[in-house]
N, C-alpha and C. Protein backbone atom coordinates (compact mmCIF):
# COMPACT_ATOMS: atom_id res chain seq x y z
N MET A 1 99.04 123.52 188.74
CA MET A 1 99.58 122.97 187.55
C MET A 1 98.51 122.20 186.66
N ASN A 2 98.65 121.84 185.77
CA ASN A 2 97.43 121.76 184.66
C ASN A 2 98.04 119.78 184.28
N HIS A 3 98.06 118.81 184.96
CA HIS A 3 99.32 117.34 184.77
C HIS A 3 98.96 117.23 183.43
N LYS A 4 98.13 117.13 182.92
CA LYS A 4 97.37 116.57 181.30
C LYS A 4 97.94 117.59 180.35
N LYS A 5 98.55 119.25 181.13
CA LYS A 5 99.30 119.32 179.98
C LYS A 5 100.75 118.96 179.54
N TYR A 6 101.56 118.43 181.54
CA TYR A 6 102.52 117.75 181.39
C TYR A 6 102.95 116.98 180.41
N VAL A 7 101.82 116.04 181.01
CA VAL A 7 101.91 114.79 179.99
C VAL A 7 101.98 114.47 178.84
N GLY A 8 100.99 115.78 178.39
CA GLY A 8 100.49 115.77 176.80
C GLY A 8 102.23 115.89 176.61
N ILE A 9 102.76 116.96 176.95
CA ILE A 9 104.22 117.14 176.94
C ILE A 9 105.52 116.34 176.59
N LEU A 10 105.34 115.37 177.93
CA LEU A 10 106.02 114.19 177.60
C LEU A 10 105.86 113.23 176.94
N LEU A 11 104.22 112.76 176.76
CA LEU A 11 104.58 111.69 175.42
C LEU A 11 104.49 112.60 173.98
N VAL A 12 104.68 114.21 173.77
CA VAL A 12 105.37 114.44 172.75
C VAL A 12 106.73 113.80 172.48
N LEU A 13 107.04 114.07 173.53
CA LEU A 13 108.99 114.08 173.62
C LEU A 13 109.31 112.83 173.85
N LEU A 14 108.51 112.20 174.27
CA LEU A 14 108.95 110.30 173.70
C LEU A 14 108.71 109.95 172.54
N THR A 15 107.56 110.45 172.06
CA THR A 15 106.91 110.06 170.81
C THR A 15 108.60 110.56 169.64
N LEU A 16 108.53 111.68 170.21
CA LEU A 16 109.92 112.16 169.09
C LEU A 16 111.23 111.58 169.16
N PHE A 17 111.59 111.31 170.55
CA PHE A 17 112.89 110.18 170.99
C PHE A 17 112.81 109.06 169.96
N PHE A 18 111.31 108.58 170.27
CA PHE A 18 111.29 107.30 169.43
C PHE A 18 111.51 107.19 168.36
N ILE A 19 110.76 108.00 167.62
CA ILE A 19 111.17 108.31 165.92
C ILE A 19 112.57 108.95 165.66
N TYR A 20 113.22 108.84 166.09
CA TYR A 20 114.36 109.99 165.85
C TYR A 20 115.40 107.94 166.71
N ASN A 21 115.13 107.87 167.53
CA ASN A 21 115.86 106.51 167.37
C ASN A 21 115.63 105.68 166.62
N PHE A 22 114.65 104.99 165.93
CA PHE A 22 114.00 104.47 165.46
C PHE A 22 114.87 104.76 163.43
N HIS A 23 114.94 106.33 163.22
CA HIS A 23 115.68 106.12 161.88
C HIS A 23 117.42 106.45 162.18
N ILE A 24 117.88 106.83 163.40
CA ILE A 24 119.34 106.60 163.79
C ILE A 24 119.78 105.12 163.34
N TYR A 25 118.73 104.10 163.92
CA TYR A 25 119.17 102.52 164.24
C TYR A 25 118.60 101.88 163.26
N THR A 26 118.08 102.49 162.16
CA THR A 26 117.41 101.47 161.22
C THR A 26 117.95 102.04 159.57
N ASP A 27 118.56 103.32 160.28
CA ASP A 27 119.15 104.07 158.37
C ASP A 27 120.28 102.99 158.32
N LYS A 28 120.62 102.51 156.66
CA LYS A 28 121.75 102.09 156.25
C LYS A 28 122.45 103.22 155.35
N GLU A 29 122.20 104.41 155.02
CA GLU A 29 122.63 104.91 154.73
C GLU A 29 124.22 105.31 154.75
N ASN A 30 124.71 105.68 156.10
CA ASN A 30 126.07 105.59 156.62
C ASN A 30 126.73 104.03 156.80
N TYR A 31 126.07 103.44 155.95
CA TYR A 31 127.22 101.45 156.54
C TYR A 31 127.50 101.49 154.98
N ALA A 32 128.80 100.84 155.01
CA ALA A 32 128.91 100.10 153.49
C ALA A 32 128.79 98.76 153.93
N ASP A 33 128.37 98.26 153.01
CA ASP A 33 128.31 96.92 152.76
C ASP A 33 129.50 95.60 153.03
N VAL A 34 129.38 95.61 154.03
CA VAL A 34 130.74 94.07 153.78
C VAL A 34 130.53 92.96 153.03
N VAL A 35 130.65 92.61 152.01
CA VAL A 35 130.35 91.14 151.36
C VAL A 35 131.85 90.28 151.13
N LEU A 36 132.06 89.67 151.99
CA LEU A 36 132.81 88.70 152.05
C LEU A 36 132.73 87.76 150.97
N THR A 37 134.00 87.27 150.09
CA THR A 37 133.69 86.07 149.12
C THR A 37 133.46 84.99 150.02
N GLN A 38 133.62 83.60 149.54
CA GLN A 38 132.63 82.19 150.04
C GLN A 38 134.48 82.25 150.65
N LYS A 39 135.02 82.29 149.94
CA LYS A 39 137.01 81.70 150.42
C LYS A 39 137.22 82.91 152.02
N ALA A 40 136.71 83.75 151.53
CA ALA A 40 136.90 84.66 153.35
C ALA A 40 135.65 84.16 154.25
N LEU A 41 134.70 83.47 153.84
CA LEU A 41 133.65 82.99 154.81
C LEU A 41 134.15 82.15 155.82
N ARG A 42 135.18 80.92 154.74
CA ARG A 42 135.51 80.24 155.46
C ARG A 42 136.93 80.09 156.09
N GLY A 43 137.40 81.32 156.20
CA GLY A 43 138.44 82.09 157.00
C GLY A 43 138.32 82.48 157.92
N GLN A 44 136.92 83.25 158.01
CA GLN A 44 135.78 83.44 158.84
C GLN A 44 135.60 82.57 160.12
N HIS A 45 135.11 81.38 159.32
CA HIS A 45 135.04 80.42 160.28
C HIS A 45 136.29 80.09 160.88
N LEU A 46 136.96 79.85 160.55
CA LEU A 46 138.20 79.50 160.97
C LEU A 46 138.86 80.79 162.14
N TRP A 47 138.17 81.50 161.88
CA TRP A 47 139.02 82.75 162.81
C TRP A 47 138.01 82.20 164.36
N TYR A 48 136.96 81.97 163.73
CA TYR A 48 136.18 82.04 165.30
C TYR A 48 136.68 81.03 165.63
N LYS A 49 136.18 80.01 165.01
CA LYS A 49 136.37 78.47 165.80
C LYS A 49 137.51 78.06 166.60
N ASN A 50 139.16 78.90 165.81
CA ASN A 50 140.07 78.92 166.72
C ASN A 50 140.07 80.06 167.50
N ASN A 51 138.95 80.33 167.88
CA ASN A 51 139.03 81.25 169.35
C ASN A 51 140.29 82.43 168.72
N CYS A 52 140.17 83.45 167.58
CA CYS A 52 141.89 84.04 167.03
C CYS A 52 141.10 85.17 167.95
N ASN A 53 140.02 85.68 167.93
CA ASN A 53 138.90 87.08 168.93
C ASN A 53 139.23 86.84 170.10
N SER A 54 139.78 85.93 170.66
CA SER A 54 139.90 85.92 172.12
C SER A 54 141.20 86.80 172.51
N CYS A 55 142.32 86.95 171.83
CA CYS A 55 143.09 87.67 171.60
C CYS A 55 143.63 88.62 170.86
N HIS A 56 142.98 88.46 169.39
CA HIS A 56 142.89 89.67 168.74
C HIS A 56 141.67 90.54 168.25
N GLN A 57 141.84 91.91 167.67
CA GLN A 57 140.71 92.41 167.48
C GLN A 57 140.94 92.78 166.03
N ILE A 58 139.74 92.92 165.91
CA ILE A 58 139.02 93.69 164.41
C ILE A 58 138.14 94.34 164.46
N TYR A 59 138.81 96.06 164.10
CA TYR A 59 138.30 96.93 164.88
C TYR A 59 138.04 97.39 165.55
N GLY A 60 139.00 97.10 166.86
CA GLY A 60 139.13 97.24 167.69
C GLY A 60 137.98 95.96 168.83
N LEU A 61 137.66 95.47 168.40
CA LEU A 61 136.48 94.42 168.98
C LEU A 61 137.74 93.12 169.00
N GLY A 62 137.59 92.48 170.32
CA GLY A 62 138.06 91.71 170.55
C GLY A 62 139.20 91.39 171.70
N GLY A 63 140.37 90.04 171.47
CA GLY A 63 141.36 90.80 173.34
C GLY A 63 141.86 91.65 172.51
N TYR A 64 142.86 91.44 173.79
CA TYR A 64 144.13 92.69 174.32
C TYR A 64 145.25 91.74 174.19
N LEU A 65 145.19 90.96 174.26
CA LEU A 65 146.95 89.91 174.33
C LEU A 65 147.26 90.27 173.03
N GLY A 66 147.05 89.98 171.75
CA GLY A 66 147.46 90.12 170.51
C GLY A 66 146.94 91.64 169.97
N PRO A 67 147.82 91.91 168.55
CA PRO A 67 147.21 92.92 168.30
C PRO A 67 145.82 93.04 167.41
N ASP A 68 145.53 94.29 166.70
CA ASP A 68 144.48 94.79 165.95
C ASP A 68 144.76 94.04 164.73
N LEU A 69 144.23 92.98 164.12
CA LEU A 69 144.61 92.54 162.97
C LEU A 69 143.71 92.88 161.59
N THR A 70 142.86 94.05 161.86
CA THR A 70 142.20 94.55 160.45
C THR A 70 143.11 95.50 159.58
N ASN A 71 144.19 95.87 159.94
CA ASN A 71 145.21 95.79 158.66
C ASN A 71 146.60 95.39 158.34
N ILE A 72 146.49 93.93 158.76
CA ILE A 72 147.58 93.34 158.85
C ILE A 72 148.22 93.59 157.59
N TYR A 73 146.73 93.14 156.65
CA TYR A 73 147.43 92.35 155.11
C TYR A 73 147.89 93.31 154.27
N SER A 74 147.70 94.66 154.54
CA SER A 74 148.03 96.23 154.06
C SER A 74 149.20 96.60 154.85
N PHE A 75 149.41 96.48 156.06
CA PHE A 75 150.57 96.82 157.13
C PHE A 75 151.72 96.10 156.84
N ARG A 76 151.46 94.86 156.35
CA ARG A 76 153.10 93.81 156.24
C ARG A 76 153.07 93.95 154.25
N ASN A 77 152.56 94.69 154.04
CA ASN A 77 152.75 94.79 152.62
C ASN A 77 152.28 93.80 151.50
N GLN A 78 150.84 93.36 151.93
CA GLN A 78 150.64 92.41 151.13
C GLN A 78 151.04 91.03 151.06
N ASN A 79 151.78 90.54 151.85
CA ASN A 79 153.02 89.55 151.80
C ASN A 79 152.03 88.16 152.51
N ASP A 80 151.56 87.54 151.49
CA ASP A 80 150.75 86.26 152.24
C ASP A 80 152.30 85.32 152.55
N ALA A 81 152.98 84.99 152.10
CA ALA A 81 153.58 84.29 152.75
C ALA A 81 154.09 84.60 154.40
N TYR A 82 154.05 85.91 154.73
CA TYR A 82 154.62 85.98 156.02
C TYR A 82 153.49 86.18 157.05
N LEU A 83 152.21 86.21 156.56
CA LEU A 83 151.40 85.92 157.61
C LEU A 83 150.91 84.28 157.28
N LYS A 84 150.72 83.60 156.67
CA LYS A 84 150.90 82.17 156.40
C LYS A 84 151.81 81.61 157.48
N ILE A 85 153.25 82.23 157.90
CA ILE A 85 154.15 81.27 158.68
C ILE A 85 153.53 81.86 159.68
N LEU A 86 152.91 82.81 159.87
CA LEU A 86 152.45 83.49 161.17
C LEU A 86 151.36 82.55 162.40
N PHE A 87 150.48 82.20 161.17
CA PHE A 87 149.36 81.68 160.93
C PHE A 87 150.05 80.28 162.36
N ASN A 88 150.78 79.75 161.86
CA ASN A 88 151.77 78.17 162.47
C ASN A 88 152.75 78.30 163.47
N SER A 89 153.57 79.66 163.63
CA SER A 89 154.72 79.45 164.17
C SER A 89 154.53 79.44 166.03
N GLY A 90 153.27 80.26 166.26
CA GLY A 90 152.79 80.46 167.86
C GLY A 90 154.11 81.52 168.33
N ILE A 91 153.99 82.87 167.86
CA ILE A 91 154.84 83.52 168.19
C ILE A 91 154.72 84.38 170.11
N LYS A 92 155.65 84.50 170.84
CA LYS A 92 155.19 85.20 171.89
C LYS A 92 154.11 83.82 172.79
N THR A 93 153.62 83.97 172.85
CA THR A 93 152.05 83.48 173.78
C THR A 93 150.91 82.71 172.53
N MET A 94 151.50 83.13 171.80
CA MET A 94 150.37 82.71 170.51
C MET A 94 149.91 81.37 170.43
N PRO A 95 149.41 80.60 170.67
CA PRO A 95 149.32 79.11 170.22
C PRO A 95 149.59 78.32 169.57
N LEU A 96 150.66 77.00 169.20
CA LEU A 96 150.64 76.64 168.03
C LEU A 96 149.28 76.07 166.88
N PHE A 97 149.30 76.60 165.86
CA PHE A 97 148.42 76.07 165.28
C PHE A 97 148.84 75.19 164.37
N ASP A 98 147.99 73.95 163.44
CA ASP A 98 147.84 73.24 162.18
C ASP A 98 147.38 73.32 161.34
N PHE A 99 147.49 74.69 160.78
CA PHE A 99 146.56 74.96 159.77
C PHE A 99 147.38 74.74 158.15
N ASN A 100 146.65 73.29 157.71
CA ASN A 100 146.47 73.78 156.20
C ASN A 100 146.99 74.17 154.95
N GLU A 101 147.38 74.17 154.22
CA GLU A 101 147.70 75.66 153.00
C GLU A 101 146.86 76.04 152.53
N GLN A 102 145.49 75.34 152.29
CA GLN A 102 144.03 75.73 152.18
C GLN A 102 143.55 76.67 153.36
N GLU A 103 143.74 75.82 154.75
CA GLU A 103 142.84 76.87 155.65
C GLU A 103 144.04 77.98 155.64
N LYS A 104 145.46 77.76 155.96
CA LYS A 104 145.74 79.39 155.59
C LYS A 104 145.34 80.45 154.75
N GLU A 105 145.31 79.91 153.32
CA GLU A 105 144.90 80.51 152.23
C GLU A 105 143.29 81.34 152.86
N GLU A 106 142.97 80.65 153.40
CA GLU A 106 141.34 80.95 153.76
C GLU A 106 141.77 82.16 154.84
N LEU A 107 141.77 82.24 155.85
CA LEU A 107 142.73 82.81 156.29
C LEU A 107 142.82 84.13 156.10
N VAL A 108 144.77 84.29 155.08
CA VAL A 108 144.54 85.29 154.58
C VAL A 108 143.61 86.18 153.91
N GLN A 109 143.05 85.55 152.74
CA GLN A 109 142.09 86.11 152.20
C GLN A 109 140.43 86.66 153.05
N PHE A 110 140.45 86.00 154.27
CA PHE A 110 139.36 86.74 155.23
C PHE A 110 140.33 88.00 155.54
N LEU A 111 141.57 87.91 156.26
CA LEU A 111 142.17 89.43 156.16
C LEU A 111 142.17 90.41 155.36
N LYS A 112 142.49 89.52 154.65
CA LYS A 112 142.56 90.52 153.18
C LYS A 112 141.59 91.50 152.85
N GLU A 113 140.26 90.81 152.73
CA GLU A 113 138.70 91.83 152.60
C GLU A 113 138.44 92.19 154.02
N ILE A 114 138.82 92.00 154.92
CA ILE A 114 138.59 92.42 156.16
C ILE A 114 139.43 94.09 155.82
N ASP A 115 140.90 94.18 155.99
CA ASP A 115 141.66 95.21 155.45
C ASP A 115 141.20 95.54 154.42
N GLN A 116 140.83 95.73 153.70
CA GLN A 116 139.65 96.60 152.25
C GLN A 116 138.55 97.25 152.78
N THR A 117 138.10 96.90 154.03
CA THR A 117 136.74 97.82 154.41
C THR A 117 136.98 98.91 155.22
N GLY A 118 138.42 99.11 155.58
CA GLY A 118 138.17 100.33 156.44
C GLY A 118 139.67 100.13 157.00
N HIS A 119 139.63 101.69 157.83
CA HIS A 119 141.07 101.69 158.65
C HIS A 119 140.91 101.09 159.88
N SER A 120 142.10 100.87 160.83
CA SER A 120 141.12 100.72 162.00
C SER A 120 142.92 101.03 163.10
N PRO A 121 142.61 101.75 163.74
CA PRO A 121 142.16 102.74 164.43
C PRO A 121 141.80 104.22 162.89
N ASN A 122 140.47 104.54 163.16
CA ASN A 122 140.02 105.52 161.81
C ASN A 122 140.58 106.70 161.64
N ILE A 123 141.67 107.12 162.02
CA ILE A 123 141.93 108.48 162.34
C ILE A 123 141.49 109.65 161.23
N HIS A 124 141.84 108.77 159.99
CA HIS A 124 140.80 110.26 159.19
C HIS A 124 139.12 110.00 158.87
N SER A 125 138.47 109.46 160.32
CA SER A 125 136.78 110.28 159.97
C SER A 125 137.00 111.49 160.91
N LYS A 126 135.97 112.05 160.43
CA LYS A 126 135.47 113.09 161.23
C LYS A 126 133.51 112.83 162.09
N ILE A 127 133.57 113.94 163.13
CA ILE A 127 132.27 113.93 163.63
C ILE A 127 131.65 114.73 162.44
N GLU A 128 130.48 114.32 162.14
CA GLU A 128 129.65 115.54 161.60
C GLU A 128 129.07 116.13 162.75
N ILE A 129 128.18 117.21 162.16
CA ILE A 129 127.83 118.58 163.15
C ILE A 129 126.18 117.52 163.63
N ASN A 130 125.92 116.56 163.13
CA ASN A 130 124.98 115.50 163.63
C ASN A 130 125.04 114.49 164.51
N GLY A 131 126.11 114.34 164.75
CA GLY A 131 126.61 113.07 165.66
C GLY A 131 127.15 111.98 164.88
N TRP A 132 127.09 112.05 163.35
CA TRP A 132 127.21 111.02 162.73
C TRP A 132 129.05 111.18 162.05
N ILE A 133 129.64 109.86 162.05
CA ILE A 133 130.96 109.53 161.75
C ILE A 133 131.21 109.59 160.40
N ASP A 134 131.73 110.25 159.81
CA ASP A 134 132.12 110.22 158.36
C ASP A 134 133.38 109.53 158.26
N ILE A 135 133.08 108.34 158.16
CA ILE A 135 134.28 106.82 158.11
C ILE A 135 135.02 107.11 156.38
N ASN A 136 136.49 107.13 156.59
CA ASN A 136 137.38 107.00 155.55
C ASN A 136 137.20 105.57 155.54
N HIS A 137 136.39 104.98 154.05
CA HIS A 137 136.31 103.65 153.83
C HIS A 137 137.53 103.42 152.68
N LYS A 138 137.89 102.13 152.52
CA LYS A 138 138.95 101.93 151.77
C LYS A 138 138.35 101.25 150.21
N LYS A 139 138.79 101.00 149.32
CA LYS A 139 137.81 100.65 148.03
C LYS A 139 137.96 99.38 148.04
N GLN A 140 136.78 98.49 148.09
CA GLN A 140 137.02 97.10 147.97
C GLN A 140 137.22 96.85 146.51
N HIS A 141 137.75 95.78 146.39
CA HIS A 141 138.60 95.14 145.37
C HIS A 141 138.73 93.15 146.10
N HIS A 142 138.14 92.57 145.60
CA HIS A 142 138.14 91.27 146.28
C HIS A 142 138.30 90.56 145.23
N GLU A 143 139.46 89.73 145.22
CA GLU A 143 139.91 88.61 144.15
C GLU A 143 138.48 87.48 144.01
């Protein structure tokens, strides 16, 4: 056996592997840019500051005690008042919060803009033959 031949083949395969992975993990073509308004960014800050993600999920990432809130805004027929009541009500195991009106509006704006970025779970996505997932995005229309 010629070890140099096998080492050469291994080096070629490793090089192709690294080139392929570099392309896959740096390609931005298949990702939508999510740009939050300043109001939604303040809502996101409140989301993390109050550790909402320890119980709730966005796109399936987060805790499992509460529901996934990715599409809560459209699920509740865009009812800001309903969501604002939920923030301070402490339903079931949810802690009682004392958000003021501005903070509630910022949280609603955050959930509204997250809702517009996609579906969770995204049952309309298709797995392409090359392994990419063709995601069904919502149209973004921020205030």
